[in-house]
């Protein structure tokens, strides 16, 4: 939560002003949290869709202000809305998306073969920093559901705990833990045929 100064209203005060009919007060929320929301969205959405998805997250936040009640958790509440907006983006994208394995270049297939054989998350993360690795990771993630993709990104790529991911996604800890395990298995199943080539 941003530090409170005498001339700077708290998040809850701004929310209350908006709820009392001062819709212009929401601009203060935009200014205060724009960078944060863009950072969250940028981690999960293709670069050319970040702005539009972040704007959608703010629209949803505005429409849901009546559900917010804990001032000390506004940033987390807003983060959860941003993550769920990303999740909905991928759900829409996956409805008709199919990418055949044959579209992979020889280098990409070689990288996927290597990635499947990696045991440690730190090895995968190190490879994920390279552009080609990220493209291949996106390829693999595109072949699993939006739910699976978000849980993999939050837990295995960002390193959040199961509880933190559950809070952001609005799921139970048990559901998140099971989904994380199954999602990883699905990725391995997708990558295994490439590994054998």
C-alpha atoms as a PDB file:
ATOM      1  CA  UNK A   1       0.000   0.000   0.000  1.00  0.00           C
ATOM      2  CA  UNK A   2       1.393   3.446  -0.837  1.00  0.00           C
ATOM      3  CA  UNK A   3       2.529   5.524   2.103  1.00  0.00           C
ATOM      4  CA  UNK A   4      -0.084   7.887   3.451  1.00  0.00           C
ATOM      5  CA  UNK A   5       0.692  11.568   3.531  1.00  0.00           C
ATOM      6  CA  UNK A   6      -1.602  14.381   4.580  1.00  0.00           C
ATOM      7  CA  UNK A   7      -2.230  15.470   0.969  1.00  0.00           C
ATOM      8  CA  UNK A   8      -2.458  11.992  -0.523  1.00  0.00           C
ATOM      9  CA  UNK A   9      -5.717  10.074   0.065  1.00  0.00           C
ATOM     10  CA  UNK A  10      -5.623   6.388   0.951  1.00  0.00           C
ATOM     11  CA  UNK A  11      -6.805   3.788  -1.542  1.00  0.00           C
ATOM     12  CA  UNK A  12      -9.936   3.244   0.545  1.00  0.00           C
ATOM     13  CA  UNK A  13     -10.713   6.971   0.534  1.00  0.00           C
ATOM     14  CA  UNK A  14     -10.458   7.044  -3.253  1.00  0.00           C
ATOM     15  CA  UNK A  15     -12.625   3.939  -3.553  1.00  0.00           C
ATOM     16  CA  UNK A  16     -15.209   5.517  -1.285  1.00  0.00           C
ATOM     17  CA  UNK A  17     -15.239   8.698  -3.385  1.00  0.00           C
ATOM     18  CA  UNK A  18     -15.824   6.666  -6.550  1.00  0.00           C
ATOM     19  CA  UNK A  19     -18.581   4.655  -4.872  1.00  0.00           C
ATOM     20  CA  UNK A  20     -20.191   7.921  -3.744  1.00  0.00           C
ATOM     21  CA  UNK A  21     -20.476   9.064  -7.363  1.00  0.00           C
ATOM     22  CA  UNK A  22     -17.139  10.804  -8.027  1.00  0.00           C
ATOM     23  CA  UNK A  23     -16.086   8.646 -11.005  1.00  0.00           C
ATOM     24  CA  UNK A  24     -13.255  11.075 -11.787  1.00  0.00           C
ATOM     25  CA  UNK A  25     -11.512  10.006  -8.568  1.00  0.00           C
ATOM     26  CA  UNK A  26     -10.675   6.675 -10.212  1.00  0.00           C
ATOM     27  CA  UNK A  27      -8.023   8.529 -12.230  1.00  0.00           C
ATOM     28  CA  UNK A  28      -5.981   8.635  -9.005  1.00  0.00           C
ATOM     29  CA  UNK A  29      -6.073   4.828  -8.871  1.00  0.00           C
ATOM     30  CA  UNK A  30      -4.946   4.692 -12.499  1.00  0.00           C
ATOM     31  CA  UNK A  31      -1.993   6.986 -11.838  1.00  0.00           C
ATOM     32  CA  UNK A  32      -1.055   5.184  -8.621  1.00  0.00           C
ATOM     33  CA  UNK A  33      -1.203   1.623  -9.982  1.00  0.00           C
ATOM     34  CA  UNK A  34      -0.730   1.855 -13.746  1.00  0.00           C
ATOM     35  CA  UNK A  35       2.884   0.684 -13.600  1.00  0.00           C
ATOM     36  CA  UNK A  36       2.028  -2.197 -11.305  1.00  0.00           C
ATOM     37  CA  UNK A  37      -0.832  -3.477 -13.465  1.00  0.00           C
ATOM     38  CA  UNK A  38       1.257  -3.184 -16.640  1.00  0.00           C
ATOM     39  CA  UNK A  39       4.033  -5.184 -14.943  1.00  0.00           C
ATOM     40  CA  UNK A  40       1.615  -7.957 -13.973  1.00  0.00           C
ATOM     41  CA  UNK A  41       0.018  -8.101 -17.419  1.00  0.00           C
ATOM     42  CA  UNK A  42       3.351  -7.931 -19.270  1.00  0.00           C
ATOM     43  CA  UNK A  43       4.387 -11.213 -17.615  1.00  0.00           C
ATOM     44  CA  UNK A  44       1.462 -13.121 -19.108  1.00  0.00           C
ATOM     45  CA  UNK A  45       0.311 -11.496 -22.343  1.00  0.00           C
ATOM     46  CA  UNK A  46       1.995 -10.986 -25.735  1.00  0.00           C
ATOM     47  CA  UNK A  47       3.594  -7.555 -25.940  1.00  0.00           C
ATOM     48  CA  UNK A  48       1.197  -6.225 -28.583  1.00  0.00           C
ATOM     49  CA  UNK A  49      -1.804  -6.955 -26.297  1.00  0.00           C
ATOM     50  CA  UNK A  50      -0.448  -5.623 -22.982  1.00  0.00           C
ATOM     51  CA  UNK A  51      -1.969  -2.132 -23.182  1.00  0.00           C
ATOM     52  CA  UNK A  52      -5.425  -3.340 -24.128  1.00  0.00           C
ATOM     53  CA  UNK A  53      -5.392  -6.097 -21.471  1.00  0.00           C
ATOM     54  CA  UNK A  54      -4.185  -3.712 -18.752  1.00  0.00           C
ATOM     55  CA  UNK A  55      -6.974  -1.298 -19.686  1.00  0.00           C
ATOM     56  CA  UNK A  56      -9.459  -4.150 -19.457  1.00  0.00           C
ATOM     57  CA  UNK A  57      -8.129  -4.964 -15.972  1.00  0.00           C
ATOM     58  CA  UNK A  58      -8.738  -1.375 -14.861  1.00  0.00           C
ATOM     59  CA  UNK A  59     -12.253  -1.431 -16.313  1.00  0.00           C
ATOM     60  CA  UNK A  60     -12.963  -4.602 -14.356  1.00  0.00           C
ATOM     61  CA  UNK A  61     -11.494  -3.075 -11.205  1.00  0.00           C
ATOM     62  CA  UNK A  62     -13.699  -0.016 -11.608  1.00  0.00           C
ATOM     63  CA  UNK A  63     -16.768  -2.192 -12.112  1.00  0.00           C
ATOM     64  CA  UNK A  64     -15.873  -4.302  -9.055  1.00  0.00           C
ATOM     65  CA  UNK A  65     -15.012  -1.543  -6.586  1.00  0.00           C
ATOM     66  CA  UNK A  66     -18.148  -2.295  -4.586  1.00  0.00           C
ATOM     67  CA  UNK A  67     -16.571  -5.698  -3.768  1.00  0.00           C
ATOM     68  CA  UNK A  68     -13.408  -4.205  -2.278  1.00  0.00           C
ATOM     69  CA  UNK A  69     -13.365  -3.809   1.503  1.00  0.00           C
ATOM     70  CA  UNK A  70      -9.804  -4.128   2.834  1.00  0.00           C
ATOM     71  CA  UNK A  71      -7.612  -1.082   2.368  1.00  0.00           C
ATOM     72  CA  UNK A  72      -4.395  -2.869   3.303  1.00  0.00           C
ATOM     73  CA  UNK A  73      -4.866  -5.305   0.422  1.00  0.00           C
ATOM     74  CA  UNK A  74      -5.858  -3.038  -2.485  1.00  0.00           C
ATOM     75  CA  UNK A  75      -2.705  -3.715  -4.509  1.00  0.00           C
ATOM     76  CA  UNK A  76      -3.183  -7.476  -4.092  1.00  0.00           C
ATOM     77  CA  UNK A  77      -6.864  -7.176  -5.010  1.00  0.00           C
ATOM     78  CA  UNK A  78      -5.921  -5.236  -8.146  1.00  0.00           C
ATOM     79  CA  UNK A  79      -3.196  -7.791  -8.970  1.00  0.00           C
ATOM     80  CA  UNK A  80      -5.756 -10.588  -8.769  1.00  0.00           C
ATOM     81  CA  UNK A  81      -8.025  -8.740 -11.202  1.00  0.00           C
ATOM     82  CA  UNK A  82      -5.082  -8.239 -13.590  1.00  0.00           C
ATOM     83  CA  UNK A  83      -4.134 -11.941 -13.436  1.00  0.00           C
ATOM     84  CA  UNK A  84      -7.738 -13.028 -14.002  1.00  0.00           C
ATOM     85  CA  UNK A  85      -7.970 -10.645 -16.960  1.00  0.00           C
ATOM     86  CA  UNK A  86      -4.881 -12.338 -18.431  1.00  0.00           C
ATOM     87  CA  UNK A  87      -6.470 -15.714 -17.766  1.00  0.00           C
ATOM     88  CA  UNK A  88      -9.611 -14.649 -19.638  1.00  0.00           C
ATOM     89  CA  UNK A  89      -7.449 -13.382 -22.517  1.00  0.00           C
ATOM     90  CA  UNK A  90      -5.886 -16.840 -22.888  1.00  0.00           C
ATOM     91  CA  UNK A  91      -9.238 -18.596 -22.578  1.00  0.00           C
ATOM     92  CA  UNK A  92     -10.455 -16.604 -25.599  1.00  0.00           C
ATOM     93  CA  UNK A  93      -7.243 -17.263 -27.526  1.00  0.00           C
ATOM     94  CA  UNK A  94      -7.301 -21.009 -26.950  1.00  0.00           C
ATOM     95  CA  UNK A  95     -10.825 -21.605 -28.187  1.00  0.00           C
ATOM     96  CA  UNK A  96      -9.650 -21.930 -31.797  1.00  0.00           C
ATOM     97  CA  UNK A  97      -5.884 -22.138 -31.568  1.00  0.00           C
ATOM     98  CA  UNK A  98      -3.976 -25.191 -32.745  1.00  0.00           C
ATOM     99  CA  UNK A  99      -0.267 -25.188 -33.551  1.00  0.00           C
ATOM    100  CA  UNK A 100       1.140 -28.351 -35.167  1.00  0.00           C
ATOM    101  CA  UNK A 101       4.476 -29.671 -33.965  1.00  0.00           C
ATOM    102  CA  UNK A 102       5.640 -29.771 -37.572  1.00  0.00           C
ATOM    103  CA  UNK A 103       5.837 -25.956 -37.516  1.00  0.00           C
ATOM    104  CA  UNK A 104       8.838 -26.074 -35.190  1.00  0.00           C
ATOM    105  CA  UNK A 105      12.213 -25.318 -36.666  1.00  0.00           C
ATOM    106  CA  UNK A 106      15.052 -27.764 -36.103  1.00  0.00           C
ATOM    107  CA  UNK A 107      16.552 -25.439 -33.464  1.00  0.00           C
ATOM    108  CA  UNK A 108      13.243 -25.151 -31.640  1.00  0.00           C
ATOM    109  CA  UNK A 109      12.751 -28.922 -31.597  1.00  0.00           C
ATOM    110  CA  UNK A 110      16.288 -29.327 -30.276  1.00  0.00           C
ATOM    111  CA  UNK A 111      15.627 -26.812 -27.491  1.00  0.00           C
ATOM    112  CA  UNK A 112      12.360 -28.517 -26.505  1.00  0.00           C
ATOM    113  CA  UNK A 113      14.163 -31.836 -26.391  1.00  0.00           C
ATOM    114  CA  UNK A 114      16.712 -30.319 -24.020  1.00  0.00           C
ATOM    115  CA  UNK A 115      14.064 -28.553 -21.902  1.00  0.00           C
ATOM    116  CA  UNK A 116      12.125 -31.762 -21.300  1.00  0.00           C
ATOM    117  CA  UNK A 117      15.244 -33.445 -19.993  1.00  0.00           C
ATOM    118  CA  UNK A 118      15.964 -30.655 -17.491  1.00  0.00           C
ATOM    119  CA  UNK A 119      15.300 -31.501 -13.877  1.00  0.00           C
ATOM    120  CA  UNK A 120      15.641 -28.169 -12.108  1.00  0.00           C
ATOM    121  CA  UNK A 121      13.386 -25.146 -12.445  1.00  0.00           C
ATOM    122  CA  UNK A 122      16.432 -22.880 -12.352  1.00  0.00           C
ATOM    123  CA  UNK A 123      17.792 -24.529 -15.517  1.00  0.00           C
ATOM    124  CA  UNK A 124      14.467 -23.977 -17.262  1.00  0.00           C
ATOM    125  CA  UNK A 125      14.320 -20.382 -16.029  1.00  0.00           C
ATOM    126  CA  UNK A 126      17.855 -19.710 -17.318  1.00  0.00           C
ATOM    127  CA  UNK A 127      16.891 -21.037 -20.738  1.00  0.00           C
ATOM    128  CA  UNK A 128      13.629 -19.086 -20.618  1.00  0.00           C
ATOM    129  CA  UNK A 129      15.580 -15.821 -20.687  1.00  0.00           C
ATOM    130  CA  UNK A 130      16.638 -16.401 -24.243  1.00  0.00           C
ATOM    131  CA  UNK A 131      14.286 -15.219 -26.958  1.00  0.00           C
ATOM    132  CA  UNK A 132      14.140 -18.538 -28.779  1.00  0.00           C
ATOM    133  CA  UNK A 133      13.533 -20.351 -25.515  1.00  0.00           C
ATOM    134  CA  UNK A 134      10.647 -18.036 -24.714  1.00  0.00           C
ATOM    135  CA  UNK A 135       9.139 -18.589 -28.155  1.00  0.00           C
ATOM    136  CA  UNK A 136       9.289 -22.342 -27.626  1.00  0.00           C
ATOM    137  CA  UNK A 137       7.915 -22.062 -24.156  1.00  0.00           C
ATOM    138  CA  UNK A 138       5.039 -20.002 -25.558  1.00  0.00           C
ATOM    139  CA  UNK A 139       4.520 -22.727 -28.174  1.00  0.00           C
ATOM    140  CA  UNK A 140       4.227 -25.376 -25.470  1.00  0.00           C
ATOM    141  CA  UNK A 141       2.042 -23.202 -23.254  1.00  0.00           C
ATOM    142  CA  UNK A 142      -0.284 -22.540 -26.200  1.00  0.00           C
ATOM    143  CA  UNK A 143      -1.070 -26.242 -26.333  1.00  0.00           C
ATOM    144  CA  UNK A 144      -2.484 -26.427 -22.797  1.00  0.00           C
ATOM    145  CA  UNK A 145      -5.623 -24.796 -21.427  1.00  0.00           C
ATOM    146  CA  UNK A 146      -5.755 -21.227 -20.181  1.00  0.00           C
ATOM    147  CA  UNK A 147      -6.100 -22.509 -16.603  1.00  0.00           C
ATOM    148  CA  UNK A 148      -3.021 -24.693 -16.978  1.00  0.00           C
ATOM    149  CA  UNK A 149      -1.053 -21.905 -18.608  1.00  0.00           C
ATOM    150  CA  UNK A 150      -1.750 -19.400 -15.837  1.00  0.00           C
ATOM    151  CA  UNK A 151      -0.884 -21.804 -13.032  1.00  0.00           C
ATOM    152  CA  UNK A 152       2.354 -22.855 -14.775  1.00  0.00           C
ATOM    153  CA  UNK A 153       3.357 -19.239 -15.331  1.00  0.00           C
ATOM    154  CA  UNK A 154       2.583 -18.156 -11.770  1.00  0.00           C
ATOM    155  CA  UNK A 155       4.109 -21.106  -9.912  1.00  0.00           C
ATOM    156  CA  UNK A 156       6.812 -22.540 -12.159  1.00  0.00           C
ATOM    157  CA  UNK A 157       7.958 -19.448 -14.062  1.00  0.00           C
ATOM    158  CA  UNK A 158       7.345 -16.597 -11.608  1.00  0.00           C
ATOM    159  CA  UNK A 159       8.109 -18.705  -8.533  1.00  0.00           C
ATOM    160  CA  UNK A 160       4.993 -17.824  -6.562  1.00  0.00           C
ATOM    161  CA  UNK A 161       3.859 -20.174  -3.835  1.00  0.00           C
ATOM    162  CA  UNK A 162       0.753 -22.277  -4.361  1.00  0.00           C
ATOM    163  CA  UNK A 163      -1.105 -20.052  -1.881  1.00  0.00           C
ATOM    164  CA  UNK A 164      -0.045 -16.840  -3.664  1.00  0.00           C
ATOM    165  CA  UNK A 165      -1.127 -18.247  -7.037  1.00  0.00           C
ATOM    166  CA  UNK A 166      -4.428 -19.446  -5.549  1.00  0.00           C
ATOM    167  CA  UNK A 167      -5.122 -15.975  -4.147  1.00  0.00           C
ATOM    168  CA  UNK A 168      -4.430 -14.307  -7.499  1.00  0.00           C
ATOM    169  CA  UNK A 169      -6.530 -16.791  -9.452  1.00  0.00           C
ATOM    170  CA  UNK A 170      -9.368 -16.919  -6.932  1.00  0.00           C
ATOM    171  CA  UNK A 171      -8.993 -20.702  -6.563  1.00  0.00           C
ATOM    172  CA  UNK A 172      -8.627 -22.907  -3.501  1.00  0.00           C
ATOM    173  CA  UNK A 173      -5.107 -23.979  -2.517  1.00  0.00           C
ATOM    174  CA  UNK A 174      -6.037 -27.622  -3.171  1.00  0.00           C
ATOM    175  CA  UNK A 175      -7.304 -26.887  -6.692  1.00  0.00           C
ATOM    176  CA  UNK A 176      -4.197 -24.827  -7.459  1.00  0.00           C
ATOM    177  CA  UNK A 177      -1.842 -27.541  -6.205  1.00  0.00           C
ATOM    178  CA  UNK A 178      -3.576 -30.247  -8.241  1.00  0.00           C
ATOM    179  CA  UNK A 179      -3.752 -28.012 -11.326  1.00  0.00           C
ATOM    180  CA  UNK A 180      -0.028 -27.162 -11.050  1.00  0.00           C
ATOM    181  CA  UNK A 181       0.904 -30.853 -10.905  1.00  0.00           C
ATOM    182  CA  UNK A 182      -1.366 -31.818 -13.803  1.00  0.00           C
ATOM    183  CA  UNK A 183      -0.274 -28.837 -15.889  1.00  0.00           C
ATOM    184  CA  UNK A 184       3.367 -29.787 -15.601  1.00  0.00           C
ATOM    185  CA  UNK A 185       2.526 -33.353 -16.642  1.00  0.00           C
ATOM    186  CA  UNK A 186       0.605 -32.032 -19.664  1.00  0.00           C
ATOM    187  CA  UNK A 187       3.593 -29.953 -20.740  1.00  0.00           C
ATOM    188  CA  UNK A 188       5.852 -33.004 -20.447  1.00  0.00           C
ATOM    189  CA  UNK A 189       3.393 -35.027 -22.550  1.00  0.00           C
ATOM    190  CA  UNK A 190       3.380 -32.315 -25.229  1.00  0.00           C
ATOM    191  CA  UNK A 191       7.159 -32.094 -25.285  1.00  0.00           C
ATOM    192  CA  UNK A 192       7.930 -35.834 -25.144  1.00  0.00           C
ATOM    193  CA  UNK A 193       7.110 -36.574 -28.836  1.00  0.00           C
ATOM    194  CA  UNK A 194       9.442 -33.760 -29.886  1.00  0.00           C
ATOM    195  CA  UNK A 195      12.136 -35.149 -27.640  1.00  0.00           C
ATOM    196  CA  UNK A 196      11.950 -38.533 -29.395  1.00  0.00           C
ATOM    197  CA  UNK A 197      12.328 -37.022 -32.897  1.00  0.00           C
END
